[in-house]
């Protein structure tokens, strides 16, 4: 499995993680923290990671692919 072929649900989970992180930063309540932790748990336990050749490298590429402000920039 390639470290750059991400399933759509994994990309969506990463986007939800970014949103939960921003929500918690803007409103540091226990509810927002719990939501952030829950999404992080889903992201961490996604079945994709079982077949990733290099989990750290794949996670960095996933974050880049899922960030709207980064994903739209042309490659250097």
PDB file of N, CA and C in Angstrom:
ATOM      1  N   UNK A   1       0.843  -1.184   0.000  1.00  0.00           N
ATOM      2  CA  UNK A   1       0.000   0.000   0.000  1.00  0.00           C
ATOM      3  C   UNK A   1       0.885   1.243   0.000  1.00  0.00           C
ATOM      4  N   UNK A   2       0.578   2.162  -0.853  1.00  0.00           N
ATOM      5  CA  UNK A   2       1.337   3.406  -0.929  1.00  0.00           C
ATOM      6  C   UNK A   2       1.012   4.296   0.263  1.00  0.00           C
ATOM      7  N   UNK A   3       1.981   5.060   0.697  1.00  0.00           N
ATOM      8  CA  UNK A   3       1.761   5.989   1.805  1.00  0.00           C
ATOM      9  C   UNK A   3       1.069   7.272   1.363  1.00  0.00           C
ATOM     10  N   UNK A   4       0.639   7.350   0.109  1.00  0.00           N
ATOM     11  CA  UNK A   4      -0.043   8.560  -0.348  1.00  0.00           C
ATOM     12  C   UNK A   4      -1.418   8.276  -0.922  1.00  0.00           C
ATOM     13  N   UNK A   5      -1.840   7.029  -0.963  1.00  0.00           N
ATOM     14  CA  UNK A   5      -3.174   6.668  -1.436  1.00  0.00           C
ATOM     15  C   UNK A   5      -4.107   6.600  -0.239  1.00  0.00           C
ATOM     16  N   UNK A   6      -4.684   7.736   0.115  1.00  0.00           N
ATOM     17  CA  UNK A   6      -5.508   7.793   1.315  1.00  0.00           C
ATOM     18  C   UNK A   6      -6.974   7.563   0.984  1.00  0.00           C
ATOM     19  N   UNK A   7      -7.653   6.720   1.763  1.00  0.00           N
ATOM     20  CA  UNK A   7      -9.091   6.556   1.566  1.00  0.00           C
ATOM     21  C   UNK A   7      -9.822   7.851   1.943  1.00  0.00           C
ATOM     22  N   UNK A   8     -10.947   8.070   1.304  1.00  0.00           N
ATOM     23  CA  UNK A   8     -11.711   9.304   1.527  1.00  0.00           C
ATOM     24  C   UNK A   8     -12.111   9.474   2.986  1.00  0.00           C
ATOM     25  N   UNK A   9     -12.470   8.371   3.655  1.00  0.00           N
ATOM     26  CA  UNK A   9     -12.886   8.509   5.055  1.00  0.00           C
ATOM     27  C   UNK A   9     -11.725   8.908   5.961  1.00  0.00           C
ATOM     28  N   UNK A  10     -10.515   8.499   5.611  1.00  0.00           N
ATOM     29  CA  UNK A  10      -9.346   8.898   6.402  1.00  0.00           C
ATOM     30  C   UNK A  10      -9.041  10.384   6.196  1.00  0.00           C
ATOM     31  N   UNK A  11      -9.141  10.847   4.970  1.00  0.00           N
ATOM     32  CA  UNK A  11      -8.957  12.286   4.707  1.00  0.00           C
ATOM     33  C   UNK A  11      -9.994  13.100   5.477  1.00  0.00           C
ATOM     34  N   UNK A  12     -11.237  12.621   5.485  1.00  0.00           N
ATOM     35  CA  UNK A  12     -12.291  13.331   6.212  1.00  0.00           C
ATOM     36  C   UNK A  12     -12.022  13.316   7.713  1.00  0.00           C
ATOM     37  N   UNK A  13     -11.545  12.209   8.241  1.00  0.00           N
ATOM     38  CA  UNK A  13     -11.187  12.158   9.660  1.00  0.00           C
ATOM     39  C   UNK A  13     -10.101  13.173   9.991  1.00  0.00           C
ATOM     40  N   UNK A  14      -9.092  13.279   9.122  1.00  0.00           N
ATOM     41  CA  UNK A  14      -8.018  14.247   9.367  1.00  0.00           C
ATOM     42  C   UNK A  14      -8.570  15.662   9.348  1.00  0.00           C
ATOM     43  N   UNK A  15      -9.474  15.946   8.422  1.00  0.00           N
ATOM     44  CA  UNK A  15     -10.099  17.277   8.372  1.00  0.00           C
ATOM     45  C   UNK A  15     -10.915  17.546   9.639  1.00  0.00           C
ATOM     46  N   UNK A  16     -11.631  16.521  10.101  1.00  0.00           N
ATOM     47  CA  UNK A  16     -12.385  16.666  11.350  1.00  0.00           C
ATOM     48  C   UNK A  16     -11.451  16.921  12.526  1.00  0.00           C
ATOM     49  N   UNK A  17     -10.267  16.299  12.519  1.00  0.00           N
ATOM     50  CA  UNK A  17      -9.286  16.507  13.581  1.00  0.00           C
ATOM     51  C   UNK A  17      -8.818  17.961  13.583  1.00  0.00           C
ATOM     52  N   UNK A  18      -8.516  18.502  12.391  1.00  0.00           N
ATOM     53  CA  UNK A  18      -8.114  19.914  12.309  1.00  0.00           C
ATOM     54  C   UNK A  18      -9.218  20.817  12.846  1.00  0.00           C
ATOM     55  N   UNK A  19     -10.461  20.523  12.481  1.00  0.00           N
ATOM     56  CA  UNK A  19     -11.588  21.338  12.946  1.00  0.00           C
ATOM     57  C   UNK A  19     -11.749  21.231  14.455  1.00  0.00           C
ATOM     58  N   UNK A  20     -11.663  20.018  14.988  1.00  0.00           N
ATOM     59  CA  UNK A  20     -11.791  19.825  16.434  1.00  0.00           C
ATOM     60  C   UNK A  20     -10.658  20.525  17.180  1.00  0.00           C
ATOM     61  N   UNK A  21      -9.462  20.488  16.603  1.00  0.00           N
ATOM     62  CA  UNK A  21      -8.320  21.173  17.219  1.00  0.00           C
ATOM     63  C   UNK A  21      -8.565  22.679  17.277  1.00  0.00           C
ATOM     64  N   UNK A  22      -9.039  23.243  16.177  1.00  0.00           N
ATOM     65  CA  UNK A  22      -9.315  24.686  16.134  1.00  0.00           C
ATOM     66  C   UNK A  22     -10.457  25.062  17.072  1.00  0.00           C
ATOM     67  N   UNK A  23     -11.492  24.221  17.124  1.00  0.00           N
ATOM     68  CA  UNK A  23     -12.615  24.484  18.030  1.00  0.00           C
ATOM     69  C   UNK A  23     -12.160  24.492  19.480  1.00  0.00           C
ATOM     70  N   UNK A  24     -11.323  23.529  19.833  1.00  0.00           N
ATOM     71  CA  UNK A  24     -10.828  23.440  21.208  1.00  0.00           C
ATOM     72  C   UNK A  24      -9.930  24.632  21.538  1.00  0.00           C
ATOM     73  N   UNK A  25      -9.105  25.048  20.583  1.00  0.00           N
ATOM     74  CA  UNK A  25      -8.228  26.205  20.815  1.00  0.00           C
ATOM     75  C   UNK A  25      -9.053  27.479  21.025  1.00  0.00           C
ATOM     76  N   UNK A  26     -10.146  27.603  20.284  1.00  0.00           N
ATOM     77  CA  UNK A  26     -10.989  28.798  20.392  1.00  0.00           C
ATOM     78  C   UNK A  26     -11.868  28.781  21.637  1.00  0.00           C
ATOM     79  N   UNK A  27     -12.184  27.597  22.129  1.00  0.00           N
ATOM     80  CA  UNK A  27     -13.080  27.439  23.266  1.00  0.00           C
ATOM     81  C   UNK A  27     -12.583  26.267  24.113  1.00  0.00           C
ATOM     82  N   UNK A  28     -11.564  26.504  24.957  1.00  0.00           N
ATOM     83  CA  UNK A  28     -10.914  25.408  25.684  1.00  0.00           C
ATOM     84  C   UNK A  28     -11.755  24.820  26.827  1.00  0.00           C
ATOM     85  N   UNK A  29     -12.886  24.257  26.454  1.00  0.00           N
ATOM     86  CA  UNK A  29     -13.746  23.616  27.446  1.00  0.00           C
ATOM     87  C   UNK A  29     -13.517  22.104  27.422  1.00  0.00           C
ATOM     88  N   UNK A  30     -14.023  21.440  28.448  1.00  0.00           N
ATOM     89  CA  UNK A  30     -13.899  19.985  28.521  1.00  0.00           C
ATOM     90  C   UNK A  30     -14.642  19.307  27.375  1.00  0.00           C
ATOM     91  N   UNK A  31     -15.780  19.862  26.975  1.00  0.00           N
ATOM     92  CA  UNK A  31     -16.533  19.283  25.850  1.00  0.00           C
ATOM     93  C   UNK A  31     -15.724  19.335  24.556  1.00  0.00           C
ATOM     94  N   UNK A  32     -15.071  20.457  24.310  1.00  0.00           N
ATOM     95  CA  UNK A  32     -14.262  20.597  23.085  1.00  0.00           C
ATOM     96  C   UNK A  32     -13.037  19.690  23.143  1.00  0.00           C
ATOM     97  N   UNK A  33     -12.447  19.572  24.324  1.00  0.00           N
ATOM     98  CA  UNK A  33     -11.297  18.676  24.470  1.00  0.00           C
ATOM     99  C   UNK A  33     -11.714  17.231  24.225  1.00  0.00           C
ATOM    100  N   UNK A  34     -12.845  16.855  24.780  1.00  0.00           N
ATOM    101  CA  UNK A  34     -13.345  15.490  24.601  1.00  0.00           C
ATOM    102  C   UNK A  34     -13.621  15.186  23.132  1.00  0.00           C
ATOM    103  N   UNK A  35     -14.183  16.147  22.417  1.00  0.00           N
ATOM    104  CA  UNK A  35     -14.444  15.963  20.987  1.00  0.00           C
ATOM    105  C   UNK A  35     -13.132  15.798  20.222  1.00  0.00           C
ATOM    106  N   UNK A  36     -12.137  16.596  20.564  1.00  0.00           N
ATOM    107  CA  UNK A  36     -10.820  16.527  19.935  1.00  0.00           C
ATOM    108  C   UNK A  36     -10.184  15.155  20.178  1.00  0.00           C
ATOM    109  N   UNK A  37     -10.234  14.694  21.416  1.00  0.00           N
ATOM    110  CA  UNK A  37      -9.651  13.398  21.776  1.00  0.00           C
ATOM    111  C   UNK A  37     -10.388  12.265  21.056  1.00  0.00           C
ATOM    112  N   UNK A  38     -11.690  12.358  20.954  1.00  0.00           N
ATOM    113  CA  UNK A  38     -12.477  11.315  20.288  1.00  0.00           C
ATOM    114  C   UNK A  38     -12.106  11.201  18.811  1.00  0.00           C
ATOM    115  N   UNK A  39     -11.998  12.324  18.136  1.00  0.00           N
ATOM    116  CA  UNK A  39     -11.620  12.303  16.723  1.00  0.00           C
ATOM    117  C   UNK A  39     -10.192  11.785  16.573  1.00  0.00           C
ATOM    118  N   UNK A  40      -9.312  12.179  17.482  1.00  0.00           N
ATOM    119  CA  UNK A  40      -7.944  11.683  17.448  1.00  0.00           C
ATOM    120  C   UNK A  40      -7.874  10.174  17.603  1.00  0.00           C
ATOM    121  N   UNK A  41      -8.723   9.620  18.452  1.00  0.00           N
ATOM    122  CA  UNK A  41      -8.778   8.178  18.635  1.00  0.00           C
ATOM    123  C   UNK A  41      -9.247   7.465  17.375  1.00  0.00           C
ATOM    124  N   UNK A  42     -10.267   8.020  16.731  1.00  0.00           N
ATOM    125  CA  UNK A  42     -10.747   7.449  15.472  1.00  0.00           C
ATOM    126  C   UNK A  42      -9.656   7.490  14.405  1.00  0.00           C
ATOM    127  N   UNK A  43      -8.985   8.615  14.334  1.00  0.00           N
ATOM    128  CA  UNK A  43      -7.926   8.799  13.340  1.00  0.00           C
ATOM    129  C   UNK A  43      -6.788   7.811  13.592  1.00  0.00           C
ATOM    130  N   UNK A  44      -6.381   7.707  14.828  1.00  0.00           N
ATOM    131  CA  UNK A  44      -5.265   6.831  15.197  1.00  0.00           C
ATOM    132  C   UNK A  44      -5.569   5.355  14.934  1.00  0.00           C
ATOM    133  N   UNK A  45      -6.820   4.958  15.109  1.00  0.00           N
ATOM    134  CA  UNK A  45      -7.181   3.548  14.982  1.00  0.00           C
ATOM    135  C   UNK A  45      -7.739   3.168  13.613  1.00  0.00           C
ATOM    136  N   UNK A  46      -7.668   4.066  12.647  1.00  0.00           N
ATOM    137  CA  UNK A  46      -8.190   3.762  11.311  1.00  0.00           C
ATOM    138  C   UNK A  46      -7.442   2.568  10.722  1.00  0.00           C
ATOM    139  N   UNK A  47      -8.145   1.658  10.064  1.00  0.00           N
ATOM    140  CA  UNK A  47      -7.504   0.456   9.491  1.00  0.00           C
ATOM    141  C   UNK A  47      -6.397   0.740   8.475  1.00  0.00           C
ATOM    142  N   UNK A  48      -6.389   1.914   7.869  1.00  0.00           N
ATOM    143  CA  UNK A  48      -5.357   2.258   6.891  1.00  0.00           C
ATOM    144  C   UNK A  48      -3.953   2.072   7.464  1.00  0.00           C
ATOM    145  N   UNK A  49      -3.789   2.435   8.737  1.00  0.00           N
ATOM    146  CA  UNK A  49      -2.450   2.438   9.333  1.00  0.00           C
ATOM    147  C   UNK A  49      -1.832   1.043   9.422  1.00  0.00           C
ATOM    148  N   UNK A  50      -2.645   0.003   9.424  1.00  0.00           N
ATOM    149  CA  UNK A  50      -2.112  -1.362   9.497  1.00  0.00           C
ATOM    150  C   UNK A  50      -1.277  -1.713   8.268  1.00  0.00           C
ATOM    151  N   UNK A  51      -1.567  -1.085   7.132  1.00  0.00           N
ATOM    152  CA  UNK A  51      -0.828  -1.395   5.913  1.00  0.00           C
ATOM    153  C   UNK A  51       0.146  -0.324   5.482  1.00  0.00           C
ATOM    154  N   UNK A  52       0.275   0.741   6.256  1.00  0.00           N
ATOM    155  CA  UNK A  52       1.186   1.833   5.883  1.00  0.00           C
ATOM    156  C   UNK A  52       2.633   1.370   6.020  1.00  0.00           C
ATOM    157  N   UNK A  53       3.420   1.640   5.004  1.00  0.00           N
ATOM    158  CA  UNK A  53       4.833   1.258   5.020  1.00  0.00           C
ATOM    159  C   UNK A  53       5.613   2.041   6.077  1.00  0.00           C
ATOM    160  N   UNK A  54       5.347   3.325   6.165  1.00  0.00           N
ATOM    161  CA  UNK A  54       6.014   4.199   7.129  1.00  0.00           C
ATOM    162  C   UNK A  54       4.929   5.100   7.711  1.00  0.00           C
ATOM    163  N   UNK A  55       4.424   4.732   8.881  1.00  0.00           N
ATOM    164  CA  UNK A  55       3.274   5.433   9.458  1.00  0.00           C
ATOM    165  C   UNK A  55       3.548   6.923   9.675  1.00  0.00           C
ATOM    166  N   UNK A  56       4.715   7.264  10.161  1.00  0.00           N
ATOM    167  CA  UNK A  56       5.021   8.671  10.416  1.00  0.00           C
ATOM    168  C   UNK A  56       5.010   9.471   9.107  1.00  0.00           C
ATOM    169  N   UNK A  57       5.679   8.957   8.112  1.00  0.00           N
ATOM    170  CA  UNK A  57       5.727   9.632   6.808  1.00  0.00           C
ATOM    171  C   UNK A  57       4.321   9.755   6.212  1.00  0.00           C
ATOM    172  N   UNK A  58       3.553   8.681   6.310  1.00  0.00           N
ATOM    173  CA  UNK A  58       2.191   8.703   5.785  1.00  0.00           C
ATOM    174  C   UNK A  58       1.330   9.715   6.541  1.00  0.00           C
ATOM    175  N   UNK A  59       1.493   9.788   7.861  1.00  0.00           N
ATOM    176  CA  UNK A  59       0.717  10.739   8.660  1.00  0.00           C
ATOM    177  C   UNK A  59       1.041  12.180   8.279  1.00  0.00           C
ATOM    178  N   UNK A  60       2.291  12.456   8.010  1.00  0.00           N
ATOM    179  CA  UNK A  60       2.674  13.809   7.593  1.00  0.00           C
ATOM    180  C   UNK A  60       2.069  14.148   6.225  1.00  0.00           C
ATOM    181  N   UNK A  61       2.078  13.183   5.333  1.00  0.00           N
ATOM    182  CA  UNK A  61       1.489  13.396   4.006  1.00  0.00           C
ATOM    183  C   UNK A  61      -0.032  13.525   4.096  1.00  0.00           C
ATOM    184  N   UNK A  62      -0.639  12.765   4.997  1.00  0.00           N
ATOM    185  CA  UNK A  62      -2.081  12.873   5.202  1.00  0.00           C
ATOM    186  C   UNK A  62      -2.440  14.272   5.681  1.00  0.00           C
ATOM    187  N   UNK A  63      -1.702  14.770   6.653  1.00  0.00           N
ATOM    188  CA  UNK A  63      -1.974  16.117   7.162  1.00  0.00           C
ATOM    189  C   UNK A  63      -1.854  17.148   6.051  1.00  0.00           C
ATOM    190  N   UNK A  64      -0.842  17.005   5.224  1.00  0.00           N
ATOM    191  CA  UNK A  64      -0.657  17.939   4.120  1.00  0.00           C
ATOM    192  C   UNK A  64      -1.812  17.825   3.124  1.00  0.00           C
ATOM    193  N   UNK A  65      -2.210  16.614   2.811  1.00  0.00           N
ATOM    194  CA  UNK A  65      -3.283  16.406   1.836  1.00  0.00           C
ATOM    195  C   UNK A  65      -4.631  16.896   2.357  1.00  0.00           C
ATOM    196  N   UNK A  66      -4.850  16.818   3.654  1.00  0.00           N
ATOM    197  CA  UNK A  66      -6.140  17.163   4.234  1.00  0.00           C
ATOM    198  C   UNK A  66      -6.292  18.637   4.569  1.00  0.00           C
ATOM    199  N   UNK A  67      -5.189  19.368   4.647  1.00  0.00           N
ATOM    200  CA  UNK A  67      -5.282  20.792   4.994  1.00  0.00           C
ATOM    201  C   UNK A  67      -5.662  21.592   3.761  1.00  0.00           C
ATOM    202  N   UNK A  68      -6.797  22.260   3.796  1.00  0.00           N
ATOM    203  CA  UNK A  68      -7.226  23.021   2.618  1.00  0.00           C
ATOM    204  C   UNK A  68      -6.246  24.126   2.234  1.00  0.00           C
ATOM    205  N   UNK A  69      -5.599  24.752   3.202  1.00  0.00           N
ATOM    206  CA  UNK A  69      -4.675  25.841   2.903  1.00  0.00           C
ATOM    207  C   UNK A  69      -3.358  25.336   2.322  1.00  0.00           C
ATOM    208  N   UNK A  70      -3.023  24.070   2.518  1.00  0.00           N
ATOM    209  CA  UNK A  70      -1.784  23.504   1.982  1.00  0.00           C
ATOM    210  C   UNK A  70      -2.058  22.699   0.714  1.00  0.00           C
ATOM    211  N   UNK A  71      -3.166  21.962   0.704  1.00  0.00           N
ATOM    212  CA  UNK A  71      -3.454  21.050  -0.400  1.00  0.00           C
ATOM    213  C   UNK A  71      -3.604  21.785  -1.735  1.00  0.00           C
ATOM    214  N   UNK A  72      -3.975  23.057  -1.700  1.00  0.00           N
ATOM    215  CA  UNK A  72      -4.213  23.793  -2.931  1.00  0.00           C
ATOM    216  C   UNK A  72      -2.947  24.419  -3.511  1.00  0.00           C
ATOM    217  N   UNK A  73      -1.870  24.435  -2.736  1.00  0.00           N
ATOM    218  CA  UNK A  73      -0.634  25.041  -3.223  1.00  0.00           C
ATOM    219  C   UNK A  73       0.049  24.124  -4.212  1.00  0.00           C
ATOM    220  N   UNK A  74       0.644  24.681  -5.283  1.00  0.00           N
ATOM    221  CA  UNK A  74       1.373  23.845  -6.239  1.00  0.00           C
ATOM    222  C   UNK A  74       2.638  23.288  -5.604  1.00  0.00           C
ATOM    223  N   UNK A  75       3.035  22.099  -6.043  1.00  0.00           N
ATOM    224  CA  UNK A  75       4.264  21.480  -5.530  1.00  0.00           C
ATOM    225  C   UNK A  75       5.464  22.272  -5.967  1.00  0.00           C
ATOM    226  N   UNK A  76       6.470  22.341  -5.093  1.00  0.00           N
ATOM    227  CA  UNK A  76       7.690  23.094  -5.410  1.00  0.00           C
ATOM    228  C   UNK A  76       8.644  22.272  -6.237  1.00  0.00           C
TER     229      UNK A  76
END
